[in-house]
mmCIF file of all heavy atoms, coordinates in Angstrom:
data_MODEL
# 
_entry.id   MODEL 
# 
loop_
_atom_site.group_PDB 
_atom_site.id 
_atom_site.type_symbol 
_atom_site.label_atom_id 
_atom_site.label_alt_id 
_atom_site.label_comp_id 
_atom_site.label_asym_id 
_atom_site.label_entity_id 
_atom_site.label_seq_id 
_atom_site.pdbx_PDB_ins_code 
_atom_site.Cartn_x 
_atom_site.Cartn_y 
_atom_site.Cartn_z 
_atom_site.occupancy 
_atom_site.B_iso_or_equiv 
_atom_site.pdbx_formal_charge 
_atom_site.auth_seq_id 
_atom_site.auth_comp_id 
_atom_site.auth_asym_id 
_atom_site.auth_atom_id 
_atom_site.pdbx_PDB_model_num 
ATOM 1   N N   . THR A 1 1  ? 16.636 10.466 31.512 1.00 0.00 ? 1  THR A N   1 
ATOM 2   C CA  . THR A 1 1  ? 15.512 9.703  32.024 1.00 0.00 ? 1  THR A CA  1 
ATOM 3   C C   . THR A 1 1  ? 15.767 9.194  33.434 1.00 0.00 ? 1  THR A C   1 
ATOM 4   O O   . THR A 1 1  ? 14.896 9.293  34.301 1.00 0.00 ? 1  THR A O   1 
ATOM 5   C CB  . THR A 1 1  ? 15.238 8.489  31.111 1.00 0.00 ? 1  THR A CB  1 
ATOM 6   O OG1 . THR A 1 1  ? 14.976 8.972  29.775 1.00 0.00 ? 1  THR A OG1 1 
ATOM 7   C CG2 . THR A 1 1  ? 14.036 7.714  31.592 1.00 0.00 ? 1  THR A CG2 1 
ATOM 8   N N   . ASN A 1 2  ? 17.030 8.710  33.731 1.00 0.00 ? 2  ASN A N   1 
ATOM 9   C CA  . ASN A 1 2  ? 17.315 8.123  35.009 1.00 0.00 ? 2  ASN A CA  1 
ATOM 10  C C   . ASN A 1 2  ? 17.636 9.196  36.072 1.00 0.00 ? 2  ASN A C   1 
ATOM 11  O O   . ASN A 1 2  ? 17.367 8.964  37.268 1.00 0.00 ? 2  ASN A O   1 
ATOM 12  C CB  . ASN A 1 2  ? 18.500 7.189  34.882 1.00 0.00 ? 2  ASN A CB  1 
ATOM 13  C CG  . ASN A 1 2  ? 18.193 6.039  33.969 1.00 0.00 ? 2  ASN A CG  1 
ATOM 14  O OD1 . ASN A 1 2  ? 17.000 5.555  33.869 1.00 0.00 ? 2  ASN A OD1 1 
ATOM 15  N ND2 . ASN A 1 2  ? 19.166 5.529  33.223 1.00 0.00 ? 2  ASN A ND2 1 
ATOM 16  N N   . ASP A 1 3  ? 18.224 10.291 35.689 1.00 0.00 ? 3  ASP A N   1 
ATOM 17  C CA  . ASP A 1 3  ? 18.651 11.337 36.623 1.00 0.00 ? 3  ASP A CA  1 
ATOM 18  C C   . ASP A 1 3  ? 18.288 12.689 36.048 1.00 0.00 ? 3  ASP A C   1 
ATOM 19  O O   . ASP A 1 3  ? 19.131 13.482 35.684 1.00 0.00 ? 3  ASP A O   1 
ATOM 20  C CB  . ASP A 1 3  ? 20.139 11.253 36.921 1.00 0.00 ? 3  ASP A CB  1 
ATOM 21  C CG  . ASP A 1 3  ? 20.584 12.052 38.128 1.00 0.00 ? 3  ASP A CG  1 
ATOM 22  O OD1 . ASP A 1 3  ? 19.664 12.603 38.800 1.00 0.00 ? 3  ASP A OD1 1 
ATOM 23  O OD2 . ASP A 1 3  ? 21.769 12.161 38.397 1.00 0.00 ? 3  ASP A OD2 1 
ATOM 24  N N   . PRO A 1 4  ? 16.964 12.988 36.035 1.00 0.00 ? 4  PRO A N   1 
ATOM 25  C CA  . PRO A 1 4  ? 16.559 14.276 35.333 1.00 0.00 ? 4  PRO A CA  1 
ATOM 26  C C   . PRO A 1 4  ? 16.895 15.517 36.101 1.00 0.00 ? 4  PRO A C   1 
ATOM 27  O O   . PRO A 1 4  ? 16.935 16.604 35.523 1.00 0.00 ? 4  PRO A O   1 
ATOM 28  C CB  . PRO A 1 4  ? 15.006 14.096 35.229 1.00 0.00 ? 4  PRO A CB  1 
ATOM 29  C CG  . PRO A 1 4  ? 14.676 13.187 36.342 1.00 0.00 ? 4  PRO A CG  1 
ATOM 30  C CD  . PRO A 1 4  ? 15.814 12.255 36.502 1.00 0.00 ? 4  PRO A CD  1 
ATOM 31  N N   . LEU A 1 5  ? 17.100 15.466 37.429 1.00 0.00 ? 5  LEU A N   1 
ATOM 32  C CA  . LEU A 1 5  ? 17.336 16.639 38.223 1.00 0.00 ? 5  LEU A CA  1 
ATOM 33  C C   . LEU A 1 5  ? 18.822 17.000 38.432 1.00 0.00 ? 5  LEU A C   1 
ATOM 34  O O   . LEU A 1 5  ? 19.122 17.944 39.143 1.00 0.00 ? 5  LEU A O   1 
ATOM 35  C CB  . LEU A 1 5  ? 16.664 16.524 39.601 1.00 0.00 ? 5  LEU A CB  1 
ATOM 36  C CG  . LEU A 1 5  ? 15.139 16.356 39.597 1.00 0.00 ? 5  LEU A CG  1 
ATOM 37  C CD1 . LEU A 1 5  ? 14.589 16.244 41.023 1.00 0.00 ? 5  LEU A CD1 1 
ATOM 38  C CD2 . LEU A 1 5  ? 14.430 17.481 38.846 1.00 0.00 ? 5  LEU A CD2 1 
ATOM 39  N N   . ARG A 1 6  ? 19.686 16.273 37.810 1.00 0.00 ? 6  ARG A N   1 
ATOM 40  C CA  . ARG A 1 6  ? 21.128 16.527 37.918 1.00 0.00 ? 6  ARG A CA  1 
ATOM 41  C C   . ARG A 1 6  ? 21.449 17.736 37.076 1.00 0.00 ? 6  ARG A C   1 
ATOM 42  O O   . ARG A 1 6  ? 21.140 17.813 35.872 1.00 0.00 ? 6  ARG A O   1 
ATOM 43  C CB  . ARG A 1 6  ? 21.915 15.327 37.453 1.00 0.00 ? 6  ARG A CB  1 
ATOM 44  C CG  . ARG A 1 6  ? 23.410 15.455 37.614 1.00 0.00 ? 6  ARG A CG  1 
ATOM 45  C CD  . ARG A 1 6  ? 24.128 14.258 37.071 1.00 0.00 ? 6  ARG A CD  1 
ATOM 46  N NE  . ARG A 1 6  ? 25.574 14.354 37.210 1.00 0.00 ? 6  ARG A NE  1 
ATOM 47  C CZ  . ARG A 1 6  ? 26.232 13.956 38.292 1.00 0.00 ? 6  ARG A CZ  1 
ATOM 48  N NH1 . ARG A 1 6  ? 25.579 13.408 39.296 1.00 0.00 ? 6  ARG A NH1 1 
ATOM 49  N NH2 . ARG A 1 6  ? 27.519 14.098 38.388 1.00 0.00 ? 6  ARG A NH2 1 
ATOM 50  N N   . LEU A 1 7  ? 22.108 18.741 37.694 1.00 0.00 ? 7  LEU A N   1 
ATOM 51  C CA  . LEU A 1 7  ? 22.408 19.970 36.980 1.00 0.00 ? 7  LEU A CA  1 
ATOM 52  C C   . LEU A 1 7  ? 23.637 19.877 36.064 1.00 0.00 ? 7  LEU A C   1 
ATOM 53  O O   . LEU A 1 7  ? 23.655 20.556 35.025 1.00 0.00 ? 7  LEU A O   1 
ATOM 54  C CB  . LEU A 1 7  ? 22.621 21.113 38.028 1.00 0.00 ? 7  LEU A CB  1 
ATOM 55  C CG  . LEU A 1 7  ? 21.404 21.625 38.778 1.00 0.00 ? 7  LEU A CG  1 
ATOM 56  C CD1 . LEU A 1 7  ? 21.809 22.712 39.764 1.00 0.00 ? 7  LEU A CD1 1 
ATOM 57  C CD2 . LEU A 1 7  ? 20.376 22.150 37.793 1.00 0.00 ? 7  LEU A CD2 1 
ATOM 58  N N   . ILE A 1 8  ? 24.598 19.087 36.408 1.00 0.00 ? 8  ILE A N   1 
ATOM 59  C CA  . ILE A 1 8  ? 25.819 18.927 35.603 1.00 0.00 ? 8  ILE A CA  1 
ATOM 60  C C   . ILE A 1 8  ? 25.791 17.552 34.947 1.00 0.00 ? 8  ILE A C   1 
ATOM 61  O O   . ILE A 1 8  ? 25.812 16.525 35.680 1.00 0.00 ? 8  ILE A O   1 
ATOM 62  C CB  . ILE A 1 8  ? 27.105 19.124 36.414 1.00 0.00 ? 8  ILE A CB  1 
ATOM 63  C CG1 . ILE A 1 8  ? 27.074 20.501 37.102 1.00 0.00 ? 8  ILE A CG1 1 
ATOM 64  C CG2 . ILE A 1 8  ? 28.330 18.927 35.557 1.00 0.00 ? 8  ILE A CG2 1 
ATOM 65  C CD1 . ILE A 1 8  ? 28.242 20.762 37.969 1.00 0.00 ? 8  ILE A CD1 1 
ATOM 66  N N   . PRO A 1 9  ? 25.703 17.464 33.618 1.00 0.00 ? 9  PRO A N   1 
ATOM 67  C CA  . PRO A 1 9  ? 25.634 16.142 32.993 1.00 0.00 ? 9  PRO A CA  1 
ATOM 68  C C   . PRO A 1 9  ? 26.940 15.349 33.231 1.00 0.00 ? 9  PRO A C   1 
ATOM 69  O O   . PRO A 1 9  ? 28.061 15.931 33.235 1.00 0.00 ? 9  PRO A O   1 
ATOM 70  C CB  . PRO A 1 9  ? 25.444 16.469 31.499 1.00 0.00 ? 9  PRO A CB  1 
ATOM 71  C CG  . PRO A 1 9  ? 24.954 17.871 31.540 1.00 0.00 ? 9  PRO A CG  1 
ATOM 72  C CD  . PRO A 1 9  ? 25.567 18.572 32.686 1.00 0.00 ? 9  PRO A CD  1 
ATOM 73  N N   . GLN A 1 10 ? 26.824 14.081 33.366 1.00 0.00 ? 10 GLN A N   1 
ATOM 74  C CA  . GLN A 1 10 ? 28.010 13.247 33.464 1.00 0.00 ? 10 GLN A CA  1 
ATOM 75  C C   . GLN A 1 10 ? 28.726 13.134 32.144 1.00 0.00 ? 10 GLN A C   1 
ATOM 76  O O   . GLN A 1 10 ? 29.931 13.149 32.067 1.00 0.00 ? 10 GLN A O   1 
ATOM 77  C CB  . GLN A 1 10 ? 27.599 11.838 33.953 1.00 0.00 ? 10 GLN A CB  1 
ATOM 78  C CG  . GLN A 1 10 ? 27.052 11.808 35.381 1.00 0.00 ? 10 GLN A CG  1 
ATOM 79  C CD  . GLN A 1 10 ? 26.699 10.409 35.826 1.00 0.00 ? 10 GLN A CD  1 
ATOM 80  O OE1 . GLN A 1 10 ? 26.652 9.479  35.020 1.00 0.00 ? 10 GLN A OE1 1 
ATOM 81  N NE2 . GLN A 1 10 ? 26.418 10.244 37.123 1.00 0.00 ? 10 GLN A NE2 1 
ATOM 82  N N   . ILE A 1 11 ? 27.961 13.039 31.092 1.00 0.00 ? 11 ILE A N   1 
ATOM 83  C CA  . ILE A 1 11 ? 28.517 13.000 29.726 1.00 0.00 ? 11 ILE A CA  1 
ATOM 84  C C   . ILE A 1 11 ? 27.863 14.119 28.885 1.00 0.00 ? 11 ILE A C   1 
ATOM 85  O O   . ILE A 1 11 ? 26.632 14.114 28.716 1.00 0.00 ? 11 ILE A O   1 
ATOM 86  C CB  . ILE A 1 11 ? 28.272 11.631 29.051 1.00 0.00 ? 11 ILE A CB  1 
ATOM 87  C CG1 . ILE A 1 11 ? 28.893 10.529 29.853 1.00 0.00 ? 11 ILE A CG1 1 
ATOM 88  C CG2 . ILE A 1 11 ? 28.820 11.633 27.634 1.00 0.00 ? 11 ILE A CG2 1 
ATOM 89  C CD1 . ILE A 1 11 ? 28.626 9.121  29.355 1.00 0.00 ? 11 ILE A CD1 1 
ATOM 90  N N   . TRP A 1 12 ? 28.635 15.069 28.447 1.00 0.00 ? 12 TRP A N   1 
ATOM 91  C CA  . TRP A 1 12 ? 28.102 16.157 27.643 1.00 0.00 ? 12 TRP A CA  1 
ATOM 92  C C   . TRP A 1 12 ? 27.858 15.668 26.213 1.00 0.00 ? 12 TRP A C   1 
ATOM 93  O O   . TRP A 1 12 ? 28.747 15.149 25.561 1.00 0.00 ? 12 TRP A O   1 
ATOM 94  C CB  . TRP A 1 12 ? 29.059 17.335 27.636 1.00 0.00 ? 12 TRP A CB  1 
ATOM 95  C CG  . TRP A 1 12 ? 29.171 18.023 28.992 1.00 0.00 ? 12 TRP A CG  1 
ATOM 96  C CD1 . TRP A 1 12 ? 29.931 17.643 29.997 1.00 0.00 ? 12 TRP A CD1 1 
ATOM 97  C CD2 . TRP A 1 12 ? 28.433 19.184 29.430 1.00 0.00 ? 12 TRP A CD2 1 
ATOM 98  N NE1 . TRP A 1 12 ? 29.771 18.500 31.062 1.00 0.00 ? 12 TRP A NE1 1 
ATOM 99  C CE2 . TRP A 1 12 ? 28.857 19.461 30.738 1.00 0.00 ? 12 TRP A CE2 1 
ATOM 100 C CE3 . TRP A 1 12 ? 27.521 20.021 28.831 1.00 0.00 ? 12 TRP A CE3 1 
ATOM 101 C CZ2 . TRP A 1 12 ? 28.325 20.529 31.482 1.00 0.00 ? 12 TRP A CZ2 1 
ATOM 102 C CZ3 . TRP A 1 12 ? 27.006 21.072 29.527 1.00 0.00 ? 12 TRP A CZ3 1 
ATOM 103 C CH2 . TRP A 1 12 ? 27.408 21.319 30.828 1.00 0.00 ? 12 TRP A CH2 1 
ATOM 104 N N   . SER A 1 13 ? 26.616 15.858 25.771 1.00 0.00 ? 13 SER A N   1 
ATOM 105 C CA  . SER A 1 13 ? 26.263 15.385 24.437 1.00 0.00 ? 13 SER A CA  1 
ATOM 106 C C   . SER A 1 13 ? 25.570 16.480 23.667 1.00 0.00 ? 13 SER A C   1 
ATOM 107 O O   . SER A 1 13 ? 24.684 17.178 24.226 1.00 0.00 ? 13 SER A O   1 
ATOM 108 C CB  . SER A 1 13 ? 25.346 14.157 24.559 1.00 0.00 ? 13 SER A CB  1 
ATOM 109 O OG  . SER A 1 13 ? 24.885 13.751 23.268 1.00 0.00 ? 13 SER A OG  1 
ATOM 110 N N   . PHE A 1 14 ? 25.888 16.609 22.381 1.00 0.00 ? 14 PHE A N   1 
ATOM 111 C CA  . PHE A 1 14 ? 25.246 17.574 21.500 1.00 0.00 ? 14 PHE A CA  1 
ATOM 112 C C   . PHE A 1 14 ? 24.389 16.881 20.478 1.00 0.00 ? 14 PHE A C   1 
ATOM 113 O O   . PHE A 1 14 ? 24.016 17.529 19.490 1.00 0.00 ? 14 PHE A O   1 
ATOM 114 C CB  . PHE A 1 14 ? 26.319 18.432 20.801 1.00 0.00 ? 14 PHE A CB  1 
ATOM 115 C CG  . PHE A 1 14 ? 27.121 19.358 21.753 1.00 0.00 ? 14 PHE A CG  1 
ATOM 116 C CD1 . PHE A 1 14 ? 28.285 18.886 22.351 1.00 0.00 ? 14 PHE A CD1 1 
ATOM 117 C CD2 . PHE A 1 14 ? 26.704 20.667 21.992 1.00 0.00 ? 14 PHE A CD2 1 
ATOM 118 C CE1 . PHE A 1 14 ? 28.997 19.691 23.176 1.00 0.00 ? 14 PHE A CE1 1 
ATOM 119 C CE2 . PHE A 1 14 ? 27.435 21.464 22.848 1.00 0.00 ? 14 PHE A CE2 1 
ATOM 120 C CZ  . PHE A 1 14 ? 28.586 20.931 23.438 1.00 0.00 ? 14 PHE A CZ  1 
ATOM 121 N N   . ALA A 1 15 ? 24.104 15.641 20.707 1.00 0.00 ? 15 ALA A N   1 
ATOM 122 C CA  . ALA A 1 15 ? 23.274 14.871 19.750 1.00 0.00 ? 15 ALA A CA  1 
ATOM 123 C C   . ALA A 1 15 ? 21.865 15.433 19.604 1.00 0.00 ? 15 ALA A C   1 
ATOM 124 O O   . ALA A 1 15 ? 21.297 15.427 18.502 1.00 0.00 ? 15 ALA A O   1 
ATOM 125 C CB  . ALA A 1 15 ? 23.237 13.439 20.163 1.00 0.00 ? 15 ALA A CB  1 
ATOM 126 N N   . SER A 1 16 ? 21.300 15.936 20.662 1.00 0.00 ? 16 SER A N   1 
ATOM 127 C CA  . SER A 1 16 ? 19.974 16.507 20.583 1.00 0.00 ? 16 SER A CA  1 
ATOM 128 C C   . SER A 1 16 ? 19.935 17.738 19.710 1.00 0.00 ? 16 SER A C   1 
ATOM 129 O O   . SER A 1 16 ? 18.951 17.917 18.912 1.00 0.00 ? 16 SER A O   1 
ATOM 130 C CB  . SER A 1 16 ? 19.421 16.825 21.995 1.00 0.00 ? 16 SER A CB  1 
ATOM 131 O OG  . SER A 1 16 ? 20.302 17.745 22.630 1.00 0.00 ? 16 SER A OG  1 
ATOM 132 N N   . PHE A 1 17 ? 20.937 18.602 19.748 1.00 0.00 ? 17 PHE A N   1 
ATOM 133 C CA  . PHE A 1 17 ? 20.963 19.781 18.878 1.00 0.00 ? 17 PHE A CA  1 
ATOM 134 C C   . PHE A 1 17 ? 21.168 19.366 17.446 1.00 0.00 ? 17 PHE A C   1 
ATOM 135 O O   . PHE A 1 17 ? 20.627 20.024 16.517 1.00 0.00 ? 17 PHE A O   1 
ATOM 136 C CB  . PHE A 1 17 ? 22.061 20.741 19.336 1.00 0.00 ? 17 PHE A CB  1 
ATOM 137 C CG  . PHE A 1 17 ? 21.781 21.335 20.673 1.00 0.00 ? 17 PHE A CG  1 
ATOM 138 C CD1 . PHE A 1 17 ? 22.287 20.811 21.846 1.00 0.00 ? 17 PHE A CD1 1 
ATOM 139 C CD2 . PHE A 1 17 ? 21.073 22.526 20.745 1.00 0.00 ? 17 PHE A CD2 1 
ATOM 140 C CE1 . PHE A 1 17 ? 22.035 21.368 23.091 1.00 0.00 ? 17 PHE A CE1 1 
ATOM 141 C CE2 . PHE A 1 17 ? 20.792 23.100 22.004 1.00 0.00 ? 17 PHE A CE2 1 
ATOM 142 C CZ  . PHE A 1 17 ? 21.302 22.557 23.161 1.00 0.00 ? 17 PHE A CZ  1 
ATOM 143 N N   . GLU A 1 18 ? 21.943 18.352 17.221 1.00 0.00 ? 18 GLU A N   1 
ATOM 144 C CA  . GLU A 1 18 ? 22.159 17.885 15.818 1.00 0.00 ? 18 GLU A CA  1 
ATOM 145 C C   . GLU A 1 18 ? 20.863 17.331 15.227 1.00 0.00 ? 18 GLU A C   1 
ATOM 146 O O   . GLU A 1 18 ? 20.541 17.553 14.040 1.00 0.00 ? 18 GLU A O   1 
ATOM 147 C CB  . GLU A 1 18 ? 23.266 16.840 15.803 1.00 0.00 ? 18 GLU A CB  1 
ATOM 148 C CG  . GLU A 1 18 ? 24.626 17.368 16.178 1.00 0.00 ? 18 GLU A CG  1 
ATOM 149 C CD  . GLU A 1 18 ? 25.692 16.260 16.234 1.00 0.00 ? 18 GLU A CD  1 
ATOM 150 O OE1 . GLU A 1 18 ? 25.299 15.103 15.938 1.00 0.00 ? 18 GLU A OE1 1 
ATOM 151 O OE2 . GLU A 1 18 ? 26.865 16.565 16.548 1.00 0.00 ? 18 GLU A OE2 1 
ATOM 152 N N   . ARG A 1 19 ? 20.087 16.593 16.077 1.00 0.00 ? 19 ARG A N   1 
ATOM 153 C CA  . ARG A 1 19 ? 18.867 16.018 15.553 1.00 0.00 ? 19 ARG A CA  1 
ATOM 154 C C   . ARG A 1 19 ? 17.812 17.092 15.236 1.00 0.00 ? 19 ARG A C   1 
ATOM 155 O O   . ARG A 1 19 ? 16.958 16.854 14.389 1.00 0.00 ? 19 ARG A O   1 
ATOM 156 C CB  . ARG A 1 19 ? 18.278 15.064 16.643 1.00 0.00 ? 19 ARG A CB  1 
ATOM 157 C CG  . ARG A 1 19 ? 19.015 13.799 16.819 1.00 0.00 ? 19 ARG A CG  1 
ATOM 158 C CD  . ARG A 1 19 ? 18.291 12.850 17.748 1.00 0.00 ? 19 ARG A CD  1 
ATOM 159 N NE  . ARG A 1 19 ? 16.991 12.547 17.195 1.00 0.00 ? 19 ARG A NE  1 
ATOM 160 C CZ  . ARG A 1 19 ? 15.997 11.997 17.966 1.00 0.00 ? 19 ARG A CZ  1 
ATOM 161 N NH1 . ARG A 1 19 ? 16.229 11.678 19.215 1.00 0.00 ? 19 ARG A NH1 1 
ATOM 162 N NH2 . ARG A 1 19 ? 14.837 11.739 17.389 1.00 0.00 ? 19 ARG A NH2 1 
ATOM 163 N N   . LEU A 1 20 ? 17.885 18.228 15.896 1.00 0.00 ? 20 LEU A N   1 
ATOM 164 C CA  . LEU A 1 20 ? 16.919 19.294 15.615 1.00 0.00 ? 20 LEU A CA  1 
ATOM 165 C C   . LEU A 1 20 ? 17.039 19.796 14.209 1.00 0.00 ? 20 LEU A C   1 
ATOM 166 O O   . LEU A 1 20 ? 16.076 20.304 13.608 1.00 0.00 ? 20 LEU A O   1 
ATOM 167 C CB  . LEU A 1 20 ? 17.126 20.469 16.602 1.00 0.00 ? 20 LEU A CB  1 
ATOM 168 C CG  . LEU A 1 20 ? 16.634 20.221 18.050 1.00 0.00 ? 20 LEU A CG  1 
ATOM 169 C CD1 . LEU A 1 20 ? 16.973 21.426 18.920 1.00 0.00 ? 20 LEU A CD1 1 
ATOM 170 C CD2 . LEU A 1 20 ? 15.133 19.983 18.088 1.00 0.00 ? 20 LEU A CD2 1 
ATOM 171 N N   . PHE A 1 21 ? 18.254 19.676 13.613 1.00 0.00 ? 21 PHE A N   1 
ATOM 172 C CA  . PHE A 1 21 ? 18.441 20.160 12.248 1.00 0.00 ? 21 PHE A CA  1 
ATOM 173 C C   . PHE A 1 21 ? 18.483 19.036 11.210 1.00 0.00 ? 21 PHE A C   1 
ATOM 174 O O   . PHE A 1 21 ? 18.684 19.306 10.028 1.00 0.00 ? 21 PHE A O   1 
ATOM 175 C CB  . PHE A 1 21 ? 19.769 20.965 12.196 1.00 0.00 ? 21 PHE A CB  1 
ATOM 176 C CG  . PHE A 1 21 ? 19.756 22.234 12.954 1.00 0.00 ? 21 PHE A CG  1 
ATOM 177 C CD1 . PHE A 1 21 ? 20.209 22.214 14.293 1.00 0.00 ? 21 PHE A CD1 1 
ATOM 178 C CD2 . PHE A 1 21 ? 19.283 23.416 12.447 1.00 0.00 ? 21 PHE A CD2 1 
ATOM 179 C CE1 . PHE A 1 21 ? 20.179 23.392 15.045 1.00 0.00 ? 21 PHE A CE1 1 
ATOM 180 C CE2 . PHE A 1 21 ? 19.255 24.564 13.183 1.00 0.00 ? 21 PHE A CE2 1 
ATOM 181 C CZ  . PHE A 1 21 ? 19.718 24.559 14.477 1.00 0.00 ? 21 PHE A CZ  1 
ATOM 182 N N   . THR A 1 22 ? 18.294 17.801 11.652 1.00 0.00 ? 22 THR A N   1 
ATOM 183 C CA  . THR A 1 22 ? 18.285 16.683 10.761 1.00 0.00 ? 22 THR A CA  1 
ATOM 184 C C   . THR A 1 22 ? 16.919 15.923 10.782 1.00 0.00 ? 22 THR A C   1 
ATOM 185 O O   . THR A 1 22 ? 16.294 15.767 9.756  1.00 0.00 ? 22 THR A O   1 
ATOM 186 C CB  . THR A 1 22 ? 19.391 15.658 11.051 1.00 0.00 ? 22 THR A CB  1 
ATOM 187 O OG1 . THR A 1 22 ? 19.303 15.263 12.456 1.00 0.00 ? 22 THR A OG1 1 
ATOM 188 C CG2 . THR A 1 22 ? 20.777 16.324 10.845 1.00 0.00 ? 22 THR A CG2 1 
ATOM 189 N N   . ASP A 1 23 ? 16.492 15.510 11.966 1.00 0.00 ? 23 ASP A N   1 
ATOM 190 C CA  . ASP A 1 23 ? 15.237 14.791 12.094 1.00 0.00 ? 23 ASP A CA  1 
ATOM 191 C C   . ASP A 1 23 ? 14.018 15.721 12.267 1.00 0.00 ? 23 ASP A C   1 
ATOM 192 O O   . ASP A 1 23 ? 12.881 15.258 12.117 1.00 0.00 ? 23 ASP A O   1 
ATOM 193 C CB  . ASP A 1 23 ? 15.289 13.838 13.282 1.00 0.00 ? 23 ASP A CB  1 
ATOM 194 C CG  . ASP A 1 23 ? 16.426 12.844 13.131 1.00 0.00 ? 23 ASP A CG  1 
ATOM 195 O OD1 . ASP A 1 23 ? 16.935 12.656 11.995 1.00 0.00 ? 23 ASP A OD1 1 
ATOM 196 O OD2 . ASP A 1 23 ? 16.830 12.200 14.153 1.00 0.00 ? 23 ASP A OD2 1 
ATOM 197 N N   . VAL A 1 24 ? 14.223 16.954 12.647 1.00 0.00 ? 24 VAL A N   1 
ATOM 198 C CA  . VAL A 1 24 ? 13.126 17.873 12.947 1.00 0.00 ? 24 VAL A CA  1 
ATOM 199 C C   . VAL A 1 24 ? 13.243 19.081 12.006 1.00 0.00 ? 24 VAL A C   1 
ATOM 200 O O   . VAL A 1 24 ? 14.368 19.599 11.812 1.00 0.00 ? 24 VAL A O   1 
ATOM 201 C CB  . VAL A 1 24 ? 13.183 18.341 14.436 1.00 0.00 ? 24 VAL A CB  1 
ATOM 202 C CG1 . VAL A 1 24 ? 12.053 19.328 14.712 1.00 0.00 ? 24 VAL A CG1 1 
ATOM 203 C CG2 . VAL A 1 24 ? 13.136 17.115 15.334 1.00 0.00 ? 24 VAL A CG2 1 
ATOM 204 N N   . PRO A 1 25 ? 12.136 19.554 11.426 1.00 0.00 ? 25 PRO A N   1 
ATOM 205 C CA  . PRO A 1 25 ? 12.183 20.720 10.527 1.00 0.00 ? 25 PRO A CA  1 
ATOM 206 C C   . PRO A 1 25 ? 12.307 22.023 11.344 1.00 0.00 ? 25 PRO A C   1 
ATOM 207 O O   . PRO A 1 25 ? 11.420 22.942 11.197 1.00 0.00 ? 25 PRO A O   1 
ATOM 208 C CB  . PRO A 1 25 ? 10.896 20.608 9.738  1.00 0.00 ? 25 PRO A CB  1 
ATOM 209 C CG  . PRO A 1 25 ? 9.949  19.893 10.661 1.00 0.00 ? 25 PRO A CG  1 
ATOM 210 C CD  . PRO A 1 25 ? 10.788 18.919 11.384 1.00 0.00 ? 25 PRO A CD  1 
ATOM 211 N N   . LEU A 1 26 ? 13.266 22.137 12.183 1.00 0.00 ? 26 LEU A N   1 
ATOM 212 C CA  . LEU A 1 26 ? 13.405 23.341 13.004 1.00 0.00 ? 26 LEU A CA  1 
ATOM 213 C C   . LEU A 1 26 ? 13.636 24.633 12.213 1.00 0.00 ? 26 LEU A C   1 
ATOM 214 O O   . LEU A 1 26 ? 13.037 25.660 12.542 1.00 0.00 ? 26 LEU A O   1 
ATOM 215 C CB  . LEU A 1 26 ? 14.552 23.151 14.006 1.00 0.00 ? 26 LEU A CB  1 
ATOM 216 C CG  . LEU A 1 26 ? 14.685 24.285 15.052 1.00 0.00 ? 26 LEU A CG  1 
ATOM 217 C CD1 . LEU A 1 26 ? 13.549 24.320 16.027 1.00 0.00 ? 26 LEU A CD1 1 
ATOM 218 C CD2 . LEU A 1 26 ? 16.058 24.121 15.830 1.00 0.00 ? 26 LEU A CD2 1 
# 
């Protein structure tokens, strides 16, 4: 949200991929 155009994340997180298989019926 604060830095959307940054190409290299400061902190690499896989939480969004985990949520796709838990909170979302992907």
